[in-house]
Every structure is written in structure tokens, then in C-alpha cells.
């Protein structure tokens, strides 16, 4: 992050920390039904997940020509490739012959894509280039158009896909005011390290909610990350439909005695970006996490979340393995064993109908901002 961006944020956080108070905005209330109503879920899926461009991967997931990756985007199975021209491509992961999955596994590297069902073969740009027993398909000329293309946009280390078959994105995704942050993060020089898939007993928004307020750090995380961060304090800004939340580490207090022109925010915070609608990008001191969240097709009390963990290229030796294992364990202990466990209880509480509305405190500004953006996007689409 640029020093010119970091300075005013750090100054605000130091001021609030010295005063022993949170950075407050406004107290909000909204209906509990948005976590429980199947009709509201269907609206979200139609207007957000099956319509908007979404961050489905980092450029680091496809570092070399021949790299391939499978993802879900909205209701579609997506196949990403990096071709010989270093261009990223997105296709429906559906074979032209009998609609089988061309690539059933998550990751691979090959010059050709061979459907495991009947071995129809495609190049990395999606063209159909091979058919076993070609004589049985006399009308099929080779090569020809093969896989159905999807709109893809790669920039600043992020890969966006729009879930529209043979259609152009309604608009080109942009980070807006946050673009300089991602340029400075140099994400192309990170490597994918590990992933985990979660099937969760909670609404998709509860997964995101847990990243958007440090009010719970001192209580829920008192034995994990609570001692690392200044509790009940954050800074948040939005750019379009995206937001950036800064969670200050206690080490930020040491910056009071240093030159502001030398301040660097990354070593003294966790930077949480919500890349709307449902990709949480976390910039940590020494690694990057992405949490890609997807709603259940019909049950508002369930969702899916995929965690991907990325590490710097220069930290890949055997001596670093223990370091990354400790980081992974802290992540799992905090988010999975504490946050997700608590949110599953919240979902049961919401479903019970005990209270008709949710309270968002003035000390939870990022959470309130997310739901304000969500309201705006739903209203825009209806």
C-alpha cells in the first residue's frame, strides 16, 4: 500500500487507540429475514451471483502456460486456462460431445484438455482439436469452436469471471480507488500453497460478516488472534461496491515514535477487502488468503466457502514449511473453530425468529457498509 494512502488511516487509528475508543459511524438495523428467507436468497442468486463479475482466482493460480483450474461461478462450472500467449481464458467446463466435465479435477497442467468421458480434445484457447473415431462424426470439421467462452478480466493479480454464456460482462470490473493497493501487493509473485473446502450451516452473508468487525476479538478470539490485534477498532472505506477494512495490530502503536513518511500499513494490520459480492481477500504480513463464498442453491441457512492460501515465491524452502503450517493452524483455529462455530449458532438463532431485526453497532462500520452496499445492489437490479 502507498504511504500516502496509509498515513491518514494510521493517524486515525492511532488517535482512536490513544483515546481508547472505536472508530464509529452509524448504528443500523435490518431484518433478520435476509438470512432466512428463501425468496430473498433467490433474489441474491439471480441479481448478484448469476449476474455480476466475481473474483474466482488470483493470477498466481495460473502462473505458467498450460496451467488449468476449475471453479464455480454462480450456477456454472468454469474452466480457466493460461494459454501459450500468457492469456487467461474462461470456459464452461462442459464438453461439446455429451456435456461431461472436461476437467473434473481442480488443478492441472497440460497443452491439451482431454475430456475423460470420450477423450474429445481441446486446446488451451477452447478450440475442439481432436475426436477419437472421427469417421463416426463426418459433419465435424477440425479444428472448430469448442468450449463455450465466458467473459474474463485479469488485472492487478485478480481474475474475474462473469457467469454469462457467450455474453459480455455488463461492465468491466474495477477496483476503483483500491487499485494502487493491489498493484503494490505484487500478487503475481505469490504461489498457491493450500486450499480447503467448507460446507457450512449458515447463510453466505454470515460467513462474510465475521470478517467485518473486530468487536468480537477480545471475547471470541481471546486465546488465538485476540492478543495480536487492538480490539474493537477498525477503519473502513468503500470503492464502488467493494470495501477495505483495516484491522490494526498492537504493533501499530509503536509507529507513534517513527517518521510518518516511512509508515507501512501491511506489517501492522490485517487488510480485509470485500470484493463484491462474496470474495474476501485478506492481506497479511507474510501471506494472502482468499475466502470465496457461495450461497446454497435453495437453503438460506447453508453456504459453501473455499479458502485459498498464497505465499511469497521467495519463501518456499523446506525451512519455511513449519512457518506456513503454524500460520495455517492459526487461521483454522480462529476462523473455523471459533468464527464459523459461532456463526452456525447465530444462524440457528436467526431461524428461530426470536428477534425480527439485526443490530449493527456504530463500532461495526465495515459490517454496516457491507449491508448498505448489498441493499444498493439489490435495489439497482430490481
Protein backbone atom coordinates (compact mmCIF):
# COMPACT_ATOMS: atom_id res chain seq x y z
CA UNK A 1 0.00 0.00 0.00
CA UNK A 2 1.22 3.50 -0.81
CA UNK A 3 2.44 5.58 2.10
CA UNK A 4 0.13 8.40 1.01
CA UNK A 5 -2.82 6.04 1.48
CA UNK A 6 -1.54 4.52 4.72
CA UNK A 7 -0.69 7.75 6.58
CA UNK A 8 -4.21 9.11 7.19
CA UNK A 9 -5.51 5.64 8.09
CA UNK A 10 -2.73 5.06 10.63
CA UNK A 11 -3.18 8.56 12.06
CA UNK A 12 -6.89 7.91 12.61
CA UNK A 13 -6.29 4.54 14.20
CA UNK A 14 -3.54 5.84 16.50
CA UNK A 15 -5.80 8.68 17.59
CA UNK A 16 -8.65 6.29 18.39
CA UNK A 17 -6.34 3.81 20.11
CA UNK A 18 -4.90 6.56 22.32
CA UNK A 19 -8.42 7.62 23.26
CA UNK A 20 -9.40 4.01 23.94
CA UNK A 21 -12.45 4.18 21.70
CA UNK A 22 -13.57 2.61 18.40
CA UNK A 23 -13.91 4.37 15.07
CA UNK A 24 -17.67 4.85 14.96
CA UNK A 25 -20.04 5.54 12.09
CA UNK A 26 -23.77 4.85 12.42
CA UNK A 27 -25.95 2.32 14.21
CA UNK A 28 -28.05 0.28 11.77
CA UNK A 29 -30.87 -2.23 11.92
CA UNK A 30 -32.09 -4.58 9.24
CA UNK A 31 -34.48 -7.51 9.04
CA UNK A 32 -33.38 -10.94 10.21
CA UNK A 33 -35.30 -12.37 7.26
CA UNK A 34 -32.45 -11.61 4.88
CA UNK A 35 -30.59 -14.55 6.44
CA UNK A 36 -33.57 -16.92 6.46
CA UNK A 37 -35.97 -16.13 3.60
CA UNK A 38 -35.69 -18.44 0.53
CA UNK A 39 -37.22 -15.73 -1.68
CA UNK A 40 -34.57 -13.22 -0.64
CA UNK A 41 -31.91 -15.87 -1.34
CA UNK A 42 -33.29 -16.42 -4.83
CA UNK A 43 -33.13 -12.68 -5.48
CA UNK A 44 -29.50 -12.57 -4.34
CA UNK A 45 -28.56 -15.52 -6.53
CA UNK A 46 -30.25 -14.02 -9.58
CA UNK A 47 -29.06 -10.43 -9.25
CA UNK A 48 -25.63 -10.99 -7.72
CA UNK A 49 -24.18 -14.46 -8.13
CA UNK A 50 -25.61 -15.25 -11.56
CA UNK A 51 -25.10 -11.77 -12.98
CA UNK A 52 -22.12 -9.84 -11.58
CA UNK A 53 -18.39 -10.32 -12.32
CA UNK A 54 -16.75 -12.21 -9.47
CA UNK A 55 -13.16 -12.79 -8.36
CA UNK A 56 -12.71 -16.55 -8.80
CA UNK A 57 -8.90 -16.82 -8.62
CA UNK A 58 -5.60 -14.98 -8.44
CA UNK A 59 -3.15 -14.75 -11.32
CA UNK A 60 -0.92 -16.85 -9.06
CA UNK A 61 -3.30 -19.77 -9.60
CA UNK A 62 -2.29 -19.87 -13.29
CA UNK A 63 1.40 -18.90 -13.23
CA UNK A 64 2.54 -20.78 -16.37
CA UNK A 65 1.28 -21.60 -19.88
CA UNK A 66 -0.64 -24.87 -19.73
CA UNK A 67 -1.94 -24.30 -16.21
CA UNK A 68 -5.64 -25.05 -15.81
CA UNK A 69 -8.03 -24.52 -12.93
CA UNK A 70 -11.68 -25.32 -12.24
CA UNK A 71 -14.01 -23.04 -10.35
CA UNK A 72 -17.71 -22.38 -9.80
CA UNK A 73 -19.17 -19.00 -10.71
CA UNK A 74 -22.84 -18.58 -9.98
CA UNK A 75 -24.51 -21.79 -11.13
CA UNK A 76 -21.82 -22.51 -13.72
CA UNK A 77 -18.84 -24.88 -13.69
CA UNK A 78 -15.91 -22.86 -15.02
CA UNK A 79 -12.62 -23.96 -16.56
CA UNK A 80 -9.73 -21.46 -16.55
CA UNK A 81 -6.62 -21.83 -18.69
CA UNK A 82 -3.35 -19.99 -19.27
CA UNK A 83 -2.52 -20.33 -22.96
CA UNK A 84 0.82 -20.13 -24.78
CA UNK A 85 0.38 -16.36 -25.20
CA UNK A 86 0.13 -15.99 -21.39
CA UNK A 87 -3.52 -15.02 -21.72
CA UNK A 88 -6.08 -16.27 -19.19
CA UNK A 89 -9.24 -17.81 -20.66
CA UNK A 90 -12.53 -18.84 -19.08
CA UNK A 91 -14.88 -21.50 -20.45
CA UNK A 92 -17.83 -23.54 -19.34
CA UNK A 93 -16.40 -26.82 -18.09
CA UNK A 94 -18.73 -28.72 -20.45
CA UNK A 95 -17.70 -30.99 -23.34
CA UNK A 96 -19.27 -30.34 -26.75
CA UNK A 97 -19.93 -34.06 -27.26
CA UNK A 98 -22.14 -35.19 -24.37
CA UNK A 99 -21.78 -32.30 -21.85
CA UNK A 100 -19.47 -34.13 -19.46
CA UNK A 101 -16.97 -32.18 -17.38
CA UNK A 102 -13.86 -31.70 -19.49
CA UNK A 103 -11.73 -31.31 -16.37
CA UNK A 104 -13.07 -32.98 -13.21
CA UNK A 105 -10.06 -32.19 -11.03
CA UNK A 106 -9.29 -28.73 -9.61
CA UNK A 107 -5.78 -28.13 -10.96
CA UNK A 108 -3.67 -29.48 -13.80
CA UNK A 109 -1.02 -28.50 -16.34
CA UNK A 110 -1.18 -29.69 -19.95
CA UNK A 111 -1.03 -28.46 -23.53
CA UNK A 112 -4.38 -30.14 -24.24
CA UNK A 113 -7.68 -30.56 -22.40
CA UNK A 114 -8.95 -34.12 -22.78
CA UNK A 115 -12.47 -34.96 -21.66
CA UNK A 116 -12.24 -38.17 -19.58
CA UNK A 117 -15.59 -39.48 -20.89
CA UNK A 118 -14.79 -39.98 -24.61
CA UNK A 119 -11.42 -38.21 -24.96
CA UNK A 120 -12.63 -35.30 -27.06
CA UNK A 121 -9.70 -32.89 -27.00
CA UNK A 122 -9.45 -29.10 -26.81
CA UNK A 123 -6.57 -26.66 -26.92
CA UNK A 124 -5.99 -24.06 -24.23
CA UNK A 125 -8.00 -21.49 -26.21
CA UNK A 126 -11.05 -23.75 -26.17
CA UNK A 127 -10.97 -24.99 -29.78
CA UNK A 128 -12.03 -28.58 -30.44
CA UNK A 129 -8.94 -30.22 -31.98
CA UNK A 130 -9.40 -33.97 -31.57
CA UNK A 131 -12.18 -36.61 -31.79
CA UNK A 132 -11.48 -40.35 -31.41
CA UNK A 133 -13.10 -42.36 -34.25
CA UNK A 134 -13.56 -39.16 -36.23
CA UNK A 135 -15.29 -41.13 -39.02
CA UNK A 136 -18.37 -41.54 -36.84
CA UNK A 137 -18.80 -37.75 -36.82
CA UNK A 138 -18.42 -36.89 -40.53
CA UNK A 139 -20.02 -33.44 -40.18
CA UNK A 140 -17.48 -32.34 -37.57
CA UNK A 141 -14.60 -30.38 -39.12
CA UNK A 142 -11.45 -29.88 -37.07
CA UNK A 143 -10.40 -27.62 -35.62
CA UNK A 144 -13.61 -25.79 -34.75
CA UNK A 145 -15.20 -23.77 -31.97
CA UNK A 146 -15.37 -25.96 -28.93
CA UNK A 147 -15.83 -24.84 -25.35
CA UNK A 148 -18.30 -22.06 -24.57
CA UNK A 149 -16.43 -18.90 -23.59
CA UNK A 150 -17.19 -16.77 -20.56
CA UNK A 151 -16.25 -13.15 -20.05
CA UNK A 152 -12.95 -12.91 -18.15
CA UNK A 153 -10.97 -9.94 -16.85
CA UNK A 154 -7.45 -10.27 -15.43
CA UNK A 155 -5.76 -7.28 -13.82
CA UNK A 156 -3.71 -6.42 -10.74
CA UNK A 157 -3.26 -10.09 -9.82
CA UNK A 158 -7.01 -10.86 -9.78
CA UNK A 159 -9.08 -12.96 -12.19
CA UNK A 160 -12.75 -12.01 -12.58
CA UNK A 161 -15.35 -14.09 -14.42
CA UNK A 162 -18.89 -13.10 -15.37
CA UNK A 163 -21.35 -16.04 -15.39
CA UNK A 164 -22.92 -15.30 -18.78
CA UNK A 165 -22.57 -17.82 -21.63
CA UNK A 166 -21.26 -16.20 -24.82
CA UNK A 167 -22.16 -12.85 -23.31
CA UNK A 168 -20.18 -9.78 -22.50
CA UNK A 169 -19.95 -8.52 -18.94
CA UNK A 170 -22.44 -5.78 -18.19
CA UNK A 171 -19.46 -3.72 -17.07
CA UNK A 172 -15.73 -4.25 -16.71
CA UNK A 173 -14.86 -5.00 -13.10
CA UNK A 174 -12.68 -2.41 -11.41
CA UNK A 175 -11.10 -1.92 -8.01
CA UNK A 176 -11.52 1.84 -8.30
CA UNK A 177 -9.68 3.62 -5.51
CA UNK A 178 -8.17 0.33 -4.30
CA UNK A 179 -6.27 -0.41 -7.49
CA UNK A 180 -2.99 1.09 -6.20
CA UNK A 181 -3.16 -1.24 -3.18
CA UNK A 182 -3.25 -4.33 -5.37
CA UNK A 183 -0.60 -3.04 -7.75
CA UNK A 184 1.73 -2.61 -4.77
CA UNK A 185 0.93 -6.08 -3.38
CA UNK A 186 2.61 -7.62 -6.46
CA UNK A 187 0.34 -10.68 -6.33
CA UNK A 188 1.91 -12.23 -9.43
CA UNK A 189 4.90 -13.12 -7.26
CA UNK A 190 2.86 -15.25 -4.86
CA UNK A 191 2.31 -19.00 -5.09
CA UNK A 192 -0.75 -21.05 -4.20
CA UNK A 193 0.12 -23.13 -1.13
CA UNK A 194 -3.01 -24.85 0.21
CA UNK A 195 -6.79 -24.89 -0.09
CA UNK A 196 -9.74 -26.11 1.95
CA UNK A 197 -13.43 -26.52 1.10
CA UNK A 198 -16.09 -25.86 3.74
CA UNK A 199 -19.77 -26.77 3.65
CA UNK A 200 -21.31 -24.54 6.28
CA UNK A 201 -24.56 -24.43 8.25
CA UNK A 202 -25.05 -20.69 7.85
CA UNK A 203 -26.20 -18.09 5.37
CA UNK A 204 -23.50 -16.87 2.98
CA UNK A 205 -23.64 -13.35 4.44
CA UNK A 206 -22.80 -14.63 7.93
CA UNK A 207 -19.54 -16.00 6.53
CA UNK A 208 -18.65 -12.53 5.30
CA UNK A 209 -20.00 -10.76 8.40
CA UNK A 210 -17.44 -12.49 10.60
CA UNK A 211 -14.57 -10.76 8.75
CA UNK A 212 -16.09 -7.29 9.06
CA UNK A 213 -15.86 -6.36 12.72
CA UNK A 214 -13.22 -6.70 15.48
CA UNK A 215 -15.79 -6.07 18.23
CA UNK A 216 -15.67 -9.82 18.98
CA UNK A 217 -11.88 -10.19 19.07
CA UNK A 218 -11.39 -9.73 22.81
CA UNK A 219 -14.06 -12.27 23.73
CA UNK A 220 -14.32 -14.90 20.99
CA UNK A 221 -10.63 -14.83 20.00
CA UNK A 222 -9.03 -14.19 23.39
CA UNK A 223 -6.80 -17.30 23.06
CA UNK A 224 -6.00 -17.04 19.32
CA UNK A 225 -5.65 -13.70 17.49
CA UNK A 226 -7.22 -11.51 20.17
CA UNK A 227 -3.85 -10.65 21.78
CA UNK A 228 -2.39 -9.72 18.38
CA UNK A 229 -4.94 -7.04 17.42
CA UNK A 230 -6.30 -3.88 19.02
CA UNK A 231 -9.85 -4.99 19.87
CA UNK A 232 -12.97 -3.09 18.83
CA UNK A 233 -11.09 -0.83 16.43
CA UNK A 234 -11.02 -0.75 12.64
CA UNK A 235 -11.01 1.64 9.71
CA UNK A 236 -13.15 1.15 6.61
CA UNK A 237 -13.60 2.76 3.20
CA UNK A 238 -15.58 1.76 0.12
CA UNK A 239 -14.87 1.99 -3.58
CA UNK A 240 -17.96 1.30 -5.63
CA UNK A 241 -19.39 -1.97 -4.33
CA UNK A 242 -16.08 -3.07 -2.75
CA UNK A 243 -14.77 -2.20 0.69
CA UNK A 244 -11.46 -2.18 2.54
CA UNK A 245 -11.26 -2.78 6.27
CA UNK A 246 -8.06 -2.20 8.24
CA UNK A 247 -7.68 -4.23 11.44
CA UNK A 248 -4.76 -2.75 13.42
CA UNK A 249 -2.25 -4.99 15.15
CA UNK A 250 -0.95 -3.88 18.54
CA UNK A 251 2.43 -3.22 16.90
CA UNK A 252 0.85 -0.21 15.19
CA UNK A 253 1.18 1.64 18.49
CA UNK A 254 4.97 1.57 18.01
CA UNK A 255 4.62 3.80 14.94
CA UNK A 256 3.84 6.84 17.10
CA UNK A 257 7.57 7.41 17.58
CA UNK A 258 8.56 6.93 13.93
CA UNK A 259 8.57 9.11 10.81
CA UNK A 260 5.09 9.08 9.18
CA UNK A 261 6.71 9.24 5.75
CA UNK A 262 8.14 5.78 6.45
CA UNK A 263 4.92 4.20 7.71
CA UNK A 264 3.90 0.90 6.12
CA UNK A 265 0.43 -0.39 6.94
CA UNK A 266 0.81 -4.05 5.93
CA UNK A 267 3.18 -5.19 8.76
CA UNK A 268 0.93 -3.58 11.38
CA UNK A 269 -2.53 -4.73 10.30
CA UNK A 270 -4.67 -7.28 8.57
CA UNK A 271 -6.18 -5.72 5.47
CA UNK A 272 -9.56 -7.21 4.61
CA UNK A 273 -11.12 -6.45 1.21
CA UNK A 274 -14.64 -7.48 0.32
CA UNK A 275 -14.58 -7.84 -3.45
CA UNK A 276 -18.30 -7.75 -4.03
CA UNK A 277 -20.34 -9.83 -3.99
CA UNK A 278 -18.62 -12.54 -1.99
CA UNK A 279 -14.83 -12.83 -2.24
CA UNK A 280 -12.98 -11.87 0.93
CA UNK A 281 -9.33 -11.04 0.21
CA UNK A 282 -7.04 -10.78 3.27
CA UNK A 283 -3.56 -9.27 3.03
CA UNK A 284 -1.49 -10.49 5.97
CA UNK A 285 2.09 -9.65 6.92
CA UNK A 286 3.55 -12.61 5.06
CA UNK A 287 0.77 -14.31 3.13
CA UNK A 288 -2.54 -13.80 1.32
CA UNK A 289 -5.87 -15.52 1.96
CA UNK A 290 -8.94 -15.59 -0.24
CA UNK A 291 -12.29 -16.80 1.07
CA UNK A 292 -14.71 -17.38 -1.81
CA UNK A 293 -18.25 -17.69 -0.51
CA UNK A 294 -21.24 -19.13 -2.37
CA UNK A 295 -24.87 -19.47 -1.26
CA UNK A 296 -26.68 -22.79 -1.20
CA UNK A 297 -28.99 -23.10 -4.24
CA UNK A 298 -32.18 -23.22 -2.16
CA UNK A 299 -31.47 -23.29 1.59
CA UNK A 300 -30.68 -19.84 3.07
CA UNK A 301 -29.23 -21.49 6.19
CA UNK A 302 -26.39 -23.16 4.25
CA UNK A 303 -23.42 -21.99 2.20
CA UNK A 304 -20.08 -23.04 0.75
CA UNK A 305 -16.72 -21.41 1.36
CA UNK A 306 -13.35 -22.11 -0.25
CA UNK A 307 -10.16 -20.92 1.44
CA UNK A 308 -7.02 -20.47 -0.66
CA UNK A 309 -3.68 -19.68 0.96
CA UNK A 310 -0.89 -17.95 -1.02
CA UNK A 311 2.74 -17.41 -0.02
CA UNK A 312 5.59 -15.28 -1.45
CA UNK A 313 7.78 -17.03 -4.02
CA UNK A 314 10.94 -16.30 -2.06
CA UNK A 315 9.65 -18.19 0.99
CA UNK A 316 9.31 -21.70 -0.43
CA UNK A 317 12.26 -23.57 1.12
CA UNK A 318 11.97 -26.53 3.46
CA UNK A 319 12.79 -24.29 6.43
CA UNK A 320 9.62 -22.28 5.74
CA UNK A 321 7.25 -25.25 5.90
CA UNK A 322 6.88 -25.09 9.68
CA UNK A 323 6.16 -21.36 9.45
CA UNK A 324 3.31 -21.87 6.99
CA UNK A 325 1.90 -24.76 8.98
CA UNK A 326 1.72 -22.52 12.05
CA UNK A 327 0.02 -19.79 10.03
CA UNK A 328 -2.46 -22.29 8.63
CA UNK A 329 -3.23 -23.67 12.11
CA UNK A 330 -3.82 -20.18 13.50
CA UNK A 331 -6.16 -19.41 10.59
CA UNK A 332 -8.15 -22.60 11.08
CA UNK A 333 -8.25 -22.27 14.86
CA UNK A 334 -9.52 -18.70 14.59
CA UNK A 335 -11.94 -18.66 11.68
CA UNK A 336 -13.12 -22.26 11.52
CA UNK A 337 -13.12 -23.34 15.16
CA UNK A 338 -14.26 -20.00 16.58
CA UNK A 339 -15.92 -17.74 13.97
CA UNK A 340 -17.71 -20.39 11.92
CA UNK A 341 -18.76 -22.30 15.02
CA UNK A 342 -20.25 -19.13 16.50
CA UNK A 343 -21.95 -18.17 13.23
CA UNK A 344 -23.63 -21.57 12.95
CA UNK A 345 -25.20 -20.76 16.32
CA UNK A 346 -26.18 -17.31 15.05
CA UNK A 347 -27.94 -18.93 12.07
CA UNK A 348 -29.97 -21.14 14.39
CA UNK A 349 -30.85 -18.11 16.47
CA UNK A 350 -31.96 -16.14 13.42
CA UNK A 351 -34.02 -19.06 12.13
CA UNK A 352 -35.80 -19.34 15.50
CA UNK A 353 -37.49 -15.99 14.92
CA UNK A 354 -36.54 -14.76 18.40
CA UNK A 355 -35.84 -11.24 17.15
CA UNK A 356 -37.14 -9.59 13.97
CA UNK A 357 -34.07 -7.44 13.33
CA UNK A 358 -30.28 -7.41 13.49
CA UNK A 359 -28.39 -4.67 15.33
CA UNK A 360 -25.18 -3.36 13.79
CA UNK A 361 -23.33 -1.12 16.22
CA UNK A 362 -21.72 2.18 15.31
CA UNK A 363 -18.46 0.44 16.26
CA UNK A 364 -19.03 -2.10 13.43
CA UNK A 365 -18.72 0.24 10.42
CA UNK A 366 -17.48 -2.31 7.87
CA UNK A 367 -20.38 -4.63 8.64
CA UNK A 368 -22.88 -1.81 8.22
CA UNK A 369 -21.20 -0.72 4.99
CA UNK A 370 -21.42 -4.22 3.50
CA UNK A 371 -25.16 -4.43 4.12
CA UNK A 372 -25.68 -0.90 2.78
CA UNK A 373 -23.86 -1.92 -0.43
CA UNK A 374 -25.90 -5.11 -0.59
CA UNK A 375 -29.16 -3.12 -0.35
CA UNK A 376 -27.98 -0.77 -3.10
CA UNK A 377 -27.06 -3.60 -5.46
CA UNK A 378 -30.34 -5.45 -4.90
CA UNK A 379 -32.36 -2.28 -5.47
CA UNK A 380 -30.36 -1.48 -8.61
CA UNK A 381 -31.07 -4.89 -10.08
CA UNK A 382 -34.80 -4.98 -9.35
